[in-house]
C-alpha atoms as a PDB file:
ATOM      1  CA  MET A   1     133.554  89.036  97.306  1.00  0.00           C
ATOM      2  CA  TYR A   2     131.921  85.863  97.400  1.00  0.00           C
ATOM      3  CA  TYR A   3     128.921  84.268  95.454  1.00  0.00           C
ATOM      4  CA  PHE A   4     125.861  81.597  96.202  1.00  0.00           C
ATOM      5  CA  TYR A   5     124.776  80.445  92.826  1.00  0.00           C
ATOM      6  CA  VAL A   6     122.192  78.455  91.212  1.00  0.00           C
ATOM      7  CA  LEU A   7     122.857  76.501  88.466  1.00  0.00           C
ATOM      8  CA  GLU A   8     119.978  74.807  85.884  1.00  0.00           C
ATOM      9  CA  ASN A   9     120.620  71.423  83.557  1.00  0.00           C
ATOM     10  CA  GLU A  10     118.854  70.933  80.420  1.00  0.00           C
ATOM     11  CA  TYR A  11     116.405  68.520  82.665  1.00  0.00           C
ATOM     12  CA  GLY A  12     115.682  71.305  84.941  1.00  0.00           C
ATOM     13  CA  GLU A  13     117.836  70.182  87.933  1.00  0.00           C
ATOM     14  CA  LEU A  14     119.635  72.977  90.063  1.00  0.00           C
ATOM     15  CA  TYR A  15     122.323  72.713  91.863  1.00  0.00           C
ATOM     16  CA  TYR A  16     123.461  75.260  94.511  1.00  0.00           C
ATOM     17  CA  GLY A  17     126.941  76.341  95.682  1.00  0.00           C
ATOM     18  CA  TYR A  18     129.289  79.069  97.096  1.00  0.00           C
ATOM     19  CA  THR A  19     132.057  80.658  95.953  1.00  0.00           C
ATOM     20  CA  GLY A  20     135.153  82.919  95.731  1.00  0.00           C
ATOM     21  CA  ASN A  21     135.652  83.174  92.282  1.00  0.00           C
ATOM     22  CA  LEU A  22     131.996  82.871  90.251  1.00  0.00           C
ATOM     23  CA  LYS A  23     133.459  82.774  86.743  1.00  0.00           C
ATOM     24  CA  GLN A  24     136.539  80.308  87.143  1.00  0.00           C
ATOM     25  CA  ARG A  25     133.621  77.972  89.504  1.00  0.00           C
ATOM     26  CA  ILE A  26     131.073  78.537  86.341  1.00  0.00           C
ATOM     27  CA  SER A  27     134.186  77.414  83.920  1.00  0.00           C
ATOM     28  CA  GLU A  28     134.772  74.384  86.055  1.00  0.00           C
ATOM     29  CA  HIS A  29     131.090  72.764  86.489  1.00  0.00           C
ATOM     30  CA  GLN A  30     131.048  73.223  82.391  1.00  0.00           C
ATOM     31  CA  GLN A  31     134.092  71.557  82.200  1.00  0.00           C
ATOM     32  CA  GLY A  32     133.219  68.777  83.909  1.00  0.00           C
ATOM     33  CA  LEU A  33     135.788  69.429  87.049  1.00  0.00           C
ATOM     34  CA  VAL A  34     133.077  69.070  89.408  1.00  0.00           C
ATOM     35  CA  PRO A  35     131.942  65.433  90.417  1.00  0.00           C
ATOM     36  CA  SER A  36     128.549  66.327  91.524  1.00  0.00           C
ATOM     37  CA  THR A  37     127.493  68.026  87.962  1.00  0.00           C
ATOM     38  CA  ARG A  38     129.964  66.072  85.544  1.00  0.00           C
ATOM     39  CA  GLU A  39     127.504  63.727  84.189  1.00  0.00           C
ATOM     40  CA  ASP A  40     125.032  66.776  82.189  1.00  0.00           C
ATOM     41  CA  SER A  41     125.537  70.129  81.096  1.00  0.00           C
ATOM     42  CA  TYR A  42     124.805  73.079  83.627  1.00  0.00           C
ATOM     43  CA  SER A  43     124.259  77.035  83.072  1.00  0.00           C
ATOM     44  CA  LEU A  44     123.740  80.027  85.436  1.00  0.00           C
ATOM     45  CA  VAL A  45     120.347  81.161  86.138  1.00  0.00           C
ATOM     46  CA  TYR A  46     121.153  83.600  89.923  1.00  0.00           C
ATOM     47  CA  TYR A  47     123.549  84.253  91.679  1.00  0.00           C
ATOM     48  CA  GLU A  48     124.038  86.253  94.648  1.00  0.00           C
ATOM     49  CA  ALA A  49     126.995  88.492  95.840  1.00  0.00           C
ATOM     50  CA  TYR A  50     128.222  88.939  99.516  1.00  0.00           C
ATOM     51  CA  GLY A  51     131.158  90.531 101.267  1.00  0.00           C
ATOM     52  CA  SER A  52     131.890  87.592 103.438  1.00  0.00           C
ATOM     53  CA  GLU A  53     132.601  83.987 102.845  1.00  0.00           C
ATOM     54  CA  THR A  54     130.484  83.197 106.004  1.00  0.00           C
ATOM     55  CA  ASP A  55     127.380  84.683 104.631  1.00  0.00           C
ATOM     56  CA  ALA A  56     128.084  83.261 100.889  1.00  0.00           C
ATOM     57  CA  ARG A  57     128.217  79.657 102.692  1.00  0.00           C
ATOM     58  CA  ASN A  58     125.329  80.033 105.394  1.00  0.00           C
ATOM     59  CA  ARG A  59     123.031  80.971 102.254  1.00  0.00           C
ATOM     60  CA  GLU A  60     123.984  77.858 100.237  1.00  0.00           C
ATOM     61  CA  ARG A  61     123.076  76.045 103.506  1.00  0.00           C
ATOM     62  CA  GLN A  62     119.984  77.188 104.236  1.00  0.00           C
ATOM     63  CA  VAL A  63     118.722  77.039 100.513  1.00  0.00           C
ATOM     64  CA  LYS A  64     119.956  73.247 100.428  1.00  0.00           C
ATOM     65  CA  CYS A  65     118.494  72.345 103.995  1.00  0.00           C
ATOM     66  CA  HIS A  66     115.512  74.011 104.613  1.00  0.00           C
ATOM     67  CA  GLY A  67     112.622  73.391 102.290  1.00  0.00           C
ATOM     68  CA  GLN A  68     111.089  76.632 102.873  1.00  0.00           C
ATOM     69  CA  ALA A  69     113.938  78.788 101.747  1.00  0.00           C
ATOM     70  CA  LYS A  70     114.652  76.753  98.307  1.00  0.00           C
ATOM     71  CA  ARG A  71     110.829  76.887  97.547  1.00  0.00           C
ATOM     72  CA  TRP A  72     111.104  80.844  97.979  1.00  0.00           C
ATOM     73  CA  LEU A  73     114.403  80.935  95.661  1.00  0.00           C
ATOM     74  CA  LYS A  74     112.443  78.901  93.084  1.00  0.00           C
ATOM     75  CA  GLU A  75     109.749  81.359  93.268  1.00  0.00           C
ATOM     76  CA  ARG A  76     111.828  84.334  93.236  1.00  0.00           C
ATOM     77  CA  ILE A  77     113.461  82.975  90.141  1.00  0.00           C
ATOM     78  CA  ARG A  78     111.039  81.352  88.271  1.00  0.00           C
ATOM     79  CA  ASN A  79     111.093  83.045  85.145  1.00  0.00           C
ATOM     80  CA  SER A  80     114.746  82.228  84.725  1.00  0.00           C
ATOM     81  CA  LEU A  81     114.242  78.857  85.149  1.00  0.00           C
ATOM     82  CA  ARG A  82     113.475  76.141  82.264  1.00  0.00           C
ATOM     83  CA  GLN A  83     109.494  76.414  81.652  1.00  0.00           C
ATOM     84  CA  ASP A  84     108.231  72.067  81.353  1.00  0.00           C
END
């Protein structure tokens, strides 16, 4: 199983990624082992499971590169995100 996931820090900033081991990857983020999330504390707010690594990677690319996909995702998970 492969996962596309969304993390959020205490400032409401989102991080998007994909992995084959969600539990381990979240642990790496929380331990500061991932350079792009090292500075802040991030928590998991959303994930999608895929049977194919290519599908998970494509979903990450879609959300990162296409503003419309990012907007739809944020709308979909708005109640899970921090309310400022």
